[in-house]
Amino acid sequence: MNDSDSERRKRMTTVNLRYVLKNWMAESTVRKAERNDFSEVHLLQHVLHPFQRHSAAEKASYSSPTPSWAKDLRVSCSS
């Protein structure tokens, strides 16, 4: 297509997810919930609307690369 960068970027934001639940997010949420802190559960419920930008999710680095502490984290459905 012969569209501009801004047009292409706008089109991409309508189809590419901003936030995807990753292992490190789930692990962090579970660790807090085990201490009866459900704040991150509520945050995830609020922000996992994939095409919207959320300041709380940005602050939690949910759209950033995996943090170094979680590089080797493996979570399975039976964990």
PDB file of N, CA and C in Angstrom:
ATOM      1  N   MET A   1       0.836  -1.188   0.000  1.00  0.00           N
ATOM      2  CA  MET A   1       0.000   0.000   0.000  1.00  0.00           C
ATOM      3  C   MET A   1       0.875   1.243   0.000  1.00  0.00           C
ATOM      4  N   ASN A   2       0.312   2.318  -0.462  1.00  0.00           N
ATOM      5  CA  ASN A   2       1.043   3.589  -0.524  1.00  0.00           C
ATOM      6  C   ASN A   2       0.579   4.546   0.569  1.00  0.00           C
ATOM      7  N   ASP A   3       0.387   4.038   1.751  1.00  0.00           N
ATOM      8  CA  ASP A   3      -0.047   4.923   2.828  1.00  0.00           C
ATOM      9  C   ASP A   3       1.159   5.447   3.603  1.00  0.00           C
ATOM     10  N   SER A   4       0.937   6.484   4.358  1.00  0.00           N
ATOM     11  CA  SER A   4       2.019   7.094   5.141  1.00  0.00           C
ATOM     12  C   SER A   4       2.293   6.265   6.392  1.00  0.00           C
ATOM     13  N   ASP A   5       3.410   6.578   7.052  1.00  0.00           N
ATOM     14  CA  ASP A   5       3.733   5.886   8.301  1.00  0.00           C
ATOM     15  C   ASP A   5       2.627   6.081   9.332  1.00  0.00           C
ATOM     16  N   SER A   6       2.108   7.281   9.448  1.00  0.00           N
ATOM     17  CA  SER A   6       1.065   7.534  10.443  1.00  0.00           C
ATOM     18  C   SER A   6      -0.216   6.769  10.109  1.00  0.00           C
ATOM     19  N   GLU A   7      -0.556   6.676   8.839  1.00  0.00           N
ATOM     20  CA  GLU A   7      -1.743   5.899   8.450  1.00  0.00           C
ATOM     21  C   GLU A   7      -1.532   4.414   8.732  1.00  0.00           C
ATOM     22  N   ARG A   8      -0.349   3.924   8.425  1.00  0.00           N
ATOM     23  CA  ARG A   8      -0.033   2.519   8.670  1.00  0.00           C
ATOM     24  C   ARG A   8      -0.039   2.229  10.173  1.00  0.00           C
ATOM     25  N   ARG A   9       0.543   3.122  10.957  1.00  0.00           N
ATOM     26  CA  ARG A   9       0.575   2.957  12.413  1.00  0.00           C
ATOM     27  C   ARG A   9      -0.845   2.939  12.980  1.00  0.00           C
ATOM     28  N   LYS A  10      -1.682   3.824  12.477  1.00  0.00           N
ATOM     29  CA  LYS A  10      -3.077   3.871  12.940  1.00  0.00           C
ATOM     30  C   LYS A  10      -3.787   2.564  12.601  1.00  0.00           C
ATOM     31  N   ARG A  11      -3.575   2.057  11.409  1.00  0.00           N
ATOM     32  CA  ARG A  11      -4.186   0.797  10.991  1.00  0.00           C
ATOM     33  C   ARG A  11      -3.681  -0.359  11.850  1.00  0.00           C
ATOM     34  N   MET A  12      -2.386  -0.367  12.161  1.00  0.00           N
ATOM     35  CA  MET A  12      -1.800  -1.444  12.959  1.00  0.00           C
ATOM     36  C   MET A  12      -2.353  -1.457  14.385  1.00  0.00           C
ATOM     37  N   THR A  13      -2.624  -0.293  14.955  1.00  0.00           N
ATOM     38  CA  THR A  13      -3.127  -0.256  16.330  1.00  0.00           C
ATOM     39  C   THR A  13      -4.553  -0.784  16.440  1.00  0.00           C
ATOM     40  N   THR A  14      -5.221  -0.933  15.315  1.00  0.00           N
ATOM     41  CA  THR A  14      -6.570  -1.498  15.367  1.00  0.00           C
ATOM     42  C   THR A  14      -6.569  -3.018  15.279  1.00  0.00           C
ATOM     43  N   VAL A  15      -5.437  -3.617  14.936  1.00  0.00           N
ATOM     44  CA  VAL A  15      -5.389  -5.079  14.795  1.00  0.00           C
ATOM     45  C   VAL A  15      -4.305  -5.751  15.640  1.00  0.00           C
ATOM     46  N   ASN A  16      -3.309  -5.017  16.094  1.00  0.00           N
ATOM     47  CA  ASN A  16      -2.233  -5.591  16.907  1.00  0.00           C
ATOM     48  C   ASN A  16      -2.511  -5.337  18.381  1.00  0.00           C
ATOM     49  N   LEU A  17      -2.479  -6.400  19.163  1.00  0.00           N
ATOM     50  CA  LEU A  17      -2.752  -6.282  20.590  1.00  0.00           C
ATOM     51  C   LEU A  17      -1.683  -5.445  21.286  1.00  0.00           C
ATOM     52  N   ARG A  18      -2.087  -4.597  22.191  1.00  0.00           N
ATOM     53  CA  ARG A  18      -1.141  -3.807  22.984  1.00  0.00           C
ATOM     54  C   ARG A  18      -0.682  -4.612  24.200  1.00  0.00           C
ATOM     55  N   TYR A  19      -1.620  -5.286  24.841  1.00  0.00           N
ATOM     56  CA  TYR A  19      -1.309  -6.069  26.038  1.00  0.00           C
ATOM     57  C   TYR A  19      -1.708  -7.521  25.802  1.00  0.00           C
ATOM     58  N   VAL A  20      -0.771  -8.402  26.083  1.00  0.00           N
ATOM     59  CA  VAL A  20      -1.002  -9.844  25.981  1.00  0.00           C
ATOM     60  C   VAL A  20      -0.579 -10.433  27.319  1.00  0.00           C
ATOM     61  N   LEU A  21      -1.438 -11.244  27.915  1.00  0.00           N
ATOM     62  CA  LEU A  21      -1.084 -11.852  29.189  1.00  0.00           C
ATOM     63  C   LEU A  21       0.138 -12.746  28.996  1.00  0.00           C
ATOM     64  N   LYS A  22       1.177 -12.444  29.745  1.00  0.00           N
ATOM     65  CA  LYS A  22       2.437 -13.192  29.654  1.00  0.00           C
ATOM     66  C   LYS A  22       2.675 -13.918  30.973  1.00  0.00           C
ATOM     67  N   ASN A  23       3.531 -14.929  30.925  1.00  0.00           N
ATOM     68  CA  ASN A  23       3.823 -15.721  32.125  1.00  0.00           C
ATOM     69  C   ASN A  23       4.221 -14.858  33.303  1.00  0.00           C
ATOM     70  N   TRP A  24       5.079 -13.869  33.080  1.00  0.00           N
ATOM     71  CA  TRP A  24       5.558 -13.059  34.195  1.00  0.00           C
ATOM     72  C   TRP A  24       4.433 -12.245  34.816  1.00  0.00           C
ATOM     73  N   MET A  25       3.472 -11.827  34.009  1.00  0.00           N
ATOM     74  CA  MET A  25       2.318 -11.094  34.552  1.00  0.00           C
ATOM     75  C   MET A  25       1.475 -12.017  35.424  1.00  0.00           C
ATOM     76  N   ALA A  26       1.227 -13.225  34.921  1.00  0.00           N
ATOM     77  CA  ALA A  26       0.442 -14.195  35.679  1.00  0.00           C
ATOM     78  C   ALA A  26       1.151 -14.555  36.980  1.00  0.00           C
ATOM     79  N   GLU A  27       2.457 -14.785  36.908  1.00  0.00           N
ATOM     80  CA  GLU A  27       3.226 -15.152  38.100  1.00  0.00           C
ATOM     81  C   GLU A  27       3.184 -14.042  39.136  1.00  0.00           C
ATOM     82  N   SER A  28       3.375 -12.821  38.715  1.00  0.00           N
ATOM     83  CA  SER A  28       3.327 -11.681  39.630  1.00  0.00           C
ATOM     84  C   SER A  28       1.945 -11.568  40.273  1.00  0.00           C
ATOM     85  N   THR A  29       0.917 -11.780  39.482  1.00  0.00           N
ATOM     86  CA  THR A  29      -0.463 -11.702  39.976  1.00  0.00           C
ATOM     87  C   THR A  29      -0.737 -12.807  40.991  1.00  0.00           C
ATOM     88  N   VAL A  30      -0.296 -14.021  40.693  1.00  0.00           N
ATOM     89  CA  VAL A  30      -0.499 -15.151  41.606  1.00  0.00           C
ATOM     90  C   VAL A  30       0.240 -14.917  42.917  1.00  0.00           C
ATOM     91  N   ARG A  31       1.479 -14.450  42.845  1.00  0.00           N
ATOM     92  CA  ARG A  31       2.258 -14.200  44.074  1.00  0.00           C
ATOM     93  C   ARG A  31       1.555 -13.192  44.982  1.00  0.00           C
ATOM     94  N   LYS A  32       1.023 -12.135  44.386  1.00  0.00           N
ATOM     95  CA  LYS A  32       0.306 -11.136  45.185  1.00  0.00           C
ATOM     96  C   LYS A  32      -0.992 -11.706  45.743  1.00  0.00           C
ATOM     97  N   ALA A  33      -1.718 -12.462  44.921  1.00  0.00           N
ATOM     98  CA  ALA A  33      -2.994 -13.037  45.363  1.00  0.00           C
ATOM     99  C   ALA A  33      -2.780 -14.021  46.515  1.00  0.00           C
ATOM    100  N   GLU A  34      -1.663 -14.741  46.496  1.00  0.00           N
ATOM    101  CA  GLU A  34      -1.360 -15.662  47.595  1.00  0.00           C
ATOM    102  C   GLU A  34      -1.143 -14.925  48.912  1.00  0.00           C
ATOM    103  N   ARG A  35      -0.856 -13.640  48.829  1.00  0.00           N
ATOM    104  CA  ARG A  35      -0.703 -12.803  50.030  1.00  0.00           C
ATOM    105  C   ARG A  35      -1.968 -11.969  50.265  1.00  0.00           C
ATOM    106  N   ASN A  36      -3.068 -12.396  49.648  1.00  0.00           N
ATOM    107  CA  ASN A  36      -4.366 -11.709  49.747  1.00  0.00           C
ATOM    108  C   ASN A  36      -4.328 -10.297  49.193  1.00  0.00           C
ATOM    109  N   ASP A  37      -3.463 -10.047  48.242  1.00  0.00           N
ATOM    110  CA  ASP A  37      -3.411  -8.765  47.539  1.00  0.00           C
ATOM    111  C   ASP A  37      -3.932  -9.011  46.127  1.00  0.00           C
ATOM    112  N   PHE A  38      -5.170  -8.645  45.890  1.00  0.00           N
ATOM    113  CA  PHE A  38      -5.807  -8.913  44.602  1.00  0.00           C
ATOM    114  C   PHE A  38      -5.774  -7.705  43.676  1.00  0.00           C
ATOM    115  N   SER A  39      -4.930  -6.741  43.990  1.00  0.00           N
ATOM    116  CA  SER A  39      -4.854  -5.517  43.193  1.00  0.00           C
ATOM    117  C   SER A  39      -4.452  -5.793  41.747  1.00  0.00           C
ATOM    118  N   GLU A  40      -3.519  -6.723  41.557  1.00  0.00           N
ATOM    119  CA  GLU A  40      -3.082  -7.008  40.195  1.00  0.00           C
ATOM    120  C   GLU A  40      -4.119  -7.835  39.428  1.00  0.00           C
ATOM    121  N   VAL A  41      -4.875  -8.662  40.131  1.00  0.00           N
ATOM    122  CA  VAL A  41      -5.989  -9.370  39.490  1.00  0.00           C
ATOM    123  C   VAL A  41      -6.961  -8.337  38.922  1.00  0.00           C
ATOM    124  N   HIS A  42      -7.302  -7.350  39.730  1.00  0.00           N
ATOM    125  CA  HIS A  42      -8.229  -6.307  39.286  1.00  0.00           C
ATOM    126  C   HIS A  42      -7.633  -5.483  38.158  1.00  0.00           C
ATOM    127  N   LEU A  43      -6.339  -5.205  38.241  1.00  0.00           N
ATOM    128  CA  LEU A  43      -5.675  -4.454  37.174  1.00  0.00           C
ATOM    129  C   LEU A  43      -5.753  -5.224  35.860  1.00  0.00           C
ATOM    130  N   LEU A  44      -5.429  -6.507  35.892  1.00  0.00           N
ATOM    131  CA  LEU A  44      -5.481  -7.311  34.664  1.00  0.00           C
ATOM    132  C   LEU A  44      -6.900  -7.373  34.106  1.00  0.00           C
ATOM    133  N   GLN A  45      -7.877  -7.505  34.971  1.00  0.00           N
ATOM    134  CA  GLN A  45      -9.262  -7.528  34.505  1.00  0.00           C
ATOM    135  C   GLN A  45      -9.609  -6.214  33.808  1.00  0.00           C
ATOM    136  N   HIS A  46      -9.054  -5.148  34.295  1.00  0.00           N
ATOM    137  CA  HIS A  46      -9.334  -3.823  33.726  1.00  0.00           C
ATOM    138  C   HIS A  46      -8.598  -3.573  32.415  1.00  0.00           C
ATOM    139  N   VAL A  47      -7.342  -3.990  32.335  1.00  0.00           N
ATOM    140  CA  VAL A  47      -6.520  -3.588  31.190  1.00  0.00           C
ATOM    141  C   VAL A  47      -6.462  -4.579  30.043  1.00  0.00           C
ATOM    142  N   LEU A  48      -6.907  -5.785  30.229  1.00  0.00           N
ATOM    143  CA  LEU A  48      -6.801  -6.741  29.132  1.00  0.00           C
ATOM    144  C   LEU A  48      -7.915  -6.557  28.100  1.00  0.00           C
ATOM    145  N   HIS A  49      -8.077  -5.314  27.710  1.00  0.00           N
ATOM    146  CA  HIS A  49      -8.882  -4.925  26.555  1.00  0.00           C
ATOM    147  C   HIS A  49      -7.829  -4.474  25.553  1.00  0.00           C
ATOM    148  N   PRO A  50      -7.441  -5.341  24.658  1.00  0.00           N
ATOM    149  CA  PRO A  50      -6.162  -5.274  23.965  1.00  0.00           C
ATOM    150  C   PRO A  50      -5.856  -4.052  23.112  1.00  0.00           C
ATOM    151  N   PHE A  51      -6.819  -3.332  22.643  1.00  0.00           N
ATOM    152  CA  PHE A  51      -6.507  -2.243  21.725  1.00  0.00           C
ATOM    153  C   PHE A  51      -6.499  -0.883  22.409  1.00  0.00           C
ATOM    154  N   GLN A  52      -6.783  -0.850  23.694  1.00  0.00           N
ATOM    155  CA  GLN A  52      -6.823   0.410  24.429  1.00  0.00           C
ATOM    156  C   GLN A  52      -5.546   0.581  25.238  1.00  0.00           C
ATOM    157  N   ARG A  53      -5.079   1.805  25.327  1.00  0.00           N
ATOM    158  CA  ARG A  53      -3.911   2.125  26.137  1.00  0.00           C
ATOM    159  C   ARG A  53      -4.403   2.468  27.539  1.00  0.00           C
ATOM    160  N   HIS A  54      -3.776   1.894  28.554  1.00  0.00           N
ATOM    161  CA  HIS A  54      -4.151   2.134  29.945  1.00  0.00           C
ATOM    162  C   HIS A  54      -2.927   2.612  30.710  1.00  0.00           C
ATOM    163  N   SER A  55      -3.057   3.712  31.401  1.00  0.00           N
ATOM    164  CA  SER A  55      -1.909   4.266  32.130  1.00  0.00           C
ATOM    165  C   SER A  55      -1.400   3.290  33.195  1.00  0.00           C
ATOM    166  N   ALA A  56      -2.312   2.583  33.871  1.00  0.00           N
ATOM    167  CA  ALA A  56      -1.883   1.627  34.900  1.00  0.00           C
ATOM    168  C   ALA A  56      -1.090   0.475  34.284  1.00  0.00           C
ATOM    169  N   ALA A  57      -1.489   0.028  33.116  1.00  0.00           N
ATOM    170  CA  ALA A  57      -0.766  -1.059  32.441  1.00  0.00           C
ATOM    171  C   ALA A  57       0.589  -0.575  31.946  1.00  0.00           C
ATOM    172  N   GLU A  58       0.649   0.653  31.472  1.00  0.00           N
ATOM    173  CA  GLU A  58       1.928   1.219  31.046  1.00  0.00           C
ATOM    174  C   GLU A  58       2.868   1.331  32.241  1.00  0.00           C
ATOM    175  N   LYS A  59       2.334   1.782  33.379  1.00  0.00           N
ATOM    176  CA  LYS A  59       3.148   1.913  34.592  1.00  0.00           C
ATOM    177  C   LYS A  59       3.663   0.548  35.063  1.00  0.00           C
ATOM    178  N   ALA A  60       2.851  -0.496  34.874  1.00  0.00           N
ATOM    179  CA  ALA A  60       3.248  -1.854  35.259  1.00  0.00           C
ATOM    180  C   ALA A  60       4.129  -2.513  34.205  1.00  0.00           C
ATOM    181  N   SER A  61       4.443  -1.800  33.138  1.00  0.00           N
ATOM    182  CA  SER A  61       5.309  -2.267  32.046  1.00  0.00           C
ATOM    183  C   SER A  61       4.727  -3.451  31.275  1.00  0.00           C
ATOM    184  N   TYR A  62       3.421  -3.541  31.207  1.00  0.00           N
ATOM    185  CA  TYR A  62       2.783  -4.660  30.525  1.00  0.00           C
ATOM    186  C   TYR A  62       3.026  -4.673  29.025  1.00  0.00           C
ATOM    187  N   SER A  63       3.361  -3.541  28.431  1.00  0.00           N
ATOM    188  CA  SER A  63       3.634  -3.543  26.986  1.00  0.00           C
ATOM    189  C   SER A  63       5.135  -3.548  26.695  1.00  0.00           C
ATOM    190  N   SER A  64       5.933  -3.729  27.731  1.00  0.00           N
ATOM    191  CA  SER A  64       7.390  -3.751  27.597  1.00  0.00           C
ATOM    192  C   SER A  64       7.889  -5.182  27.440  1.00  0.00           C
ATOM    193  N   PRO A  65       9.141  -5.332  27.047  1.00  0.00           N
ATOM    194  CA  PRO A  65       9.718  -6.684  26.990  1.00  0.00           C
ATOM    195  C   PRO A  65       9.704  -7.344  28.372  1.00  0.00           C
ATOM    196  N   THR A  66       9.802  -8.639  28.410  1.00  0.00           N
ATOM    197  CA  THR A  66       9.814  -9.399  29.660  1.00  0.00           C
ATOM    198  C   THR A  66      10.939  -8.898  30.572  1.00  0.00           C
ATOM    199  N   PRO A  67      10.633  -8.670  31.863  1.00  0.00           N
ATOM    200  CA  PRO A  67      11.691  -8.219  32.780  1.00  0.00           C
ATOM    201  C   PRO A  67      12.727  -9.316  33.002  1.00  0.00           C
ATOM    202  N   SER A  68      13.926  -8.913  33.391  1.00  0.00           N
ATOM    203  CA  SER A  68      15.029  -9.868  33.540  1.00  0.00           C
ATOM    204  C   SER A  68      14.730 -10.951  34.571  1.00  0.00           C
ATOM    205  N   TRP A  69      13.999 -10.619  35.632  1.00  0.00           N
ATOM    206  CA  TRP A  69      13.714 -11.613  36.670  1.00  0.00           C
ATOM    207  C   TRP A  69      12.822 -12.741  36.155  1.00  0.00           C
ATOM    208  N   ALA A  70      12.146 -12.518  35.045  1.00  0.00           N
ATOM    209  CA  ALA A  70      11.189 -13.504  34.539  1.00  0.00           C
ATOM    210  C   ALA A  70      11.642 -14.194  33.255  1.00  0.00           C
ATOM    211  N   LYS A  71      12.856 -13.955  32.820  1.00  0.00           N
ATOM    212  CA  LYS A  71      13.339 -14.519  31.558  1.00  0.00           C
ATOM    213  C   LYS A  71      13.245 -16.050  31.516  1.00  0.00           C
ATOM    214  N   ASP A  72      13.504 -16.726  32.618  1.00  0.00           N
ATOM    215  CA  ASP A  72      13.501 -18.189  32.645  1.00  0.00           C
ATOM    216  C   ASP A  72      12.231 -18.766  33.266  1.00  0.00           C
ATOM    217  N   LEU A  73      11.240 -17.940  33.502  1.00  0.00           N
ATOM    218  CA  LEU A  73      10.001 -18.377  34.126  1.00  0.00           C
ATOM    219  C   LEU A  73       9.207 -19.273  33.183  1.00  0.00           C
ATOM    220  N   ARG A  74       8.733 -20.392  33.712  1.00  0.00           N
ATOM    221  CA  ARG A  74       7.904 -21.310  32.937  1.00  0.00           C
ATOM    222  C   ARG A  74       6.653 -21.601  33.757  1.00  0.00           C
ATOM    223  N   VAL A  75       5.517 -21.272  33.216  1.00  0.00           N
ATOM    224  CA  VAL A  75       4.248 -21.511  33.883  1.00  0.00           C
ATOM    225  C   VAL A  75       3.412 -22.395  32.974  1.00  0.00           C
ATOM    226  N   SER A  76       2.818 -23.424  33.546  1.00  0.00           N
ATOM    227  CA  SER A  76       1.961 -24.297  32.752  1.00  0.00           C
ATOM    228  C   SER A  76       0.544 -24.228  33.295  1.00  0.00           C
ATOM    229  N   CYS A  77      -0.368 -24.801  32.588  1.00  0.00           N
ATOM    230  CA  CYS A  77      -1.772 -24.819  33.019  1.00  0.00           C
ATOM    231  C   CYS A  77      -1.933 -25.548  34.349  1.00  0.00           C
ATOM    232  N   SER A  78      -1.044 -26.458  34.646  1.00  0.00           N
ATOM    233  CA  SER A  78      -1.161 -27.233  35.895  1.00  0.00           C
ATOM    234  C   SER A  78      -0.329 -26.648  37.028  1.00  0.00           C
ATOM    235  N   SER A  79       0.292 -25.496  36.805  1.00  0.00           N
ATOM    236  CA  SER A  79       1.124 -24.882  37.855  1.00  0.00           C
ATOM    237  C   SER A  79       0.284 -24.407  39.019  1.00  0.00           C
TER     238      SER A  79
END
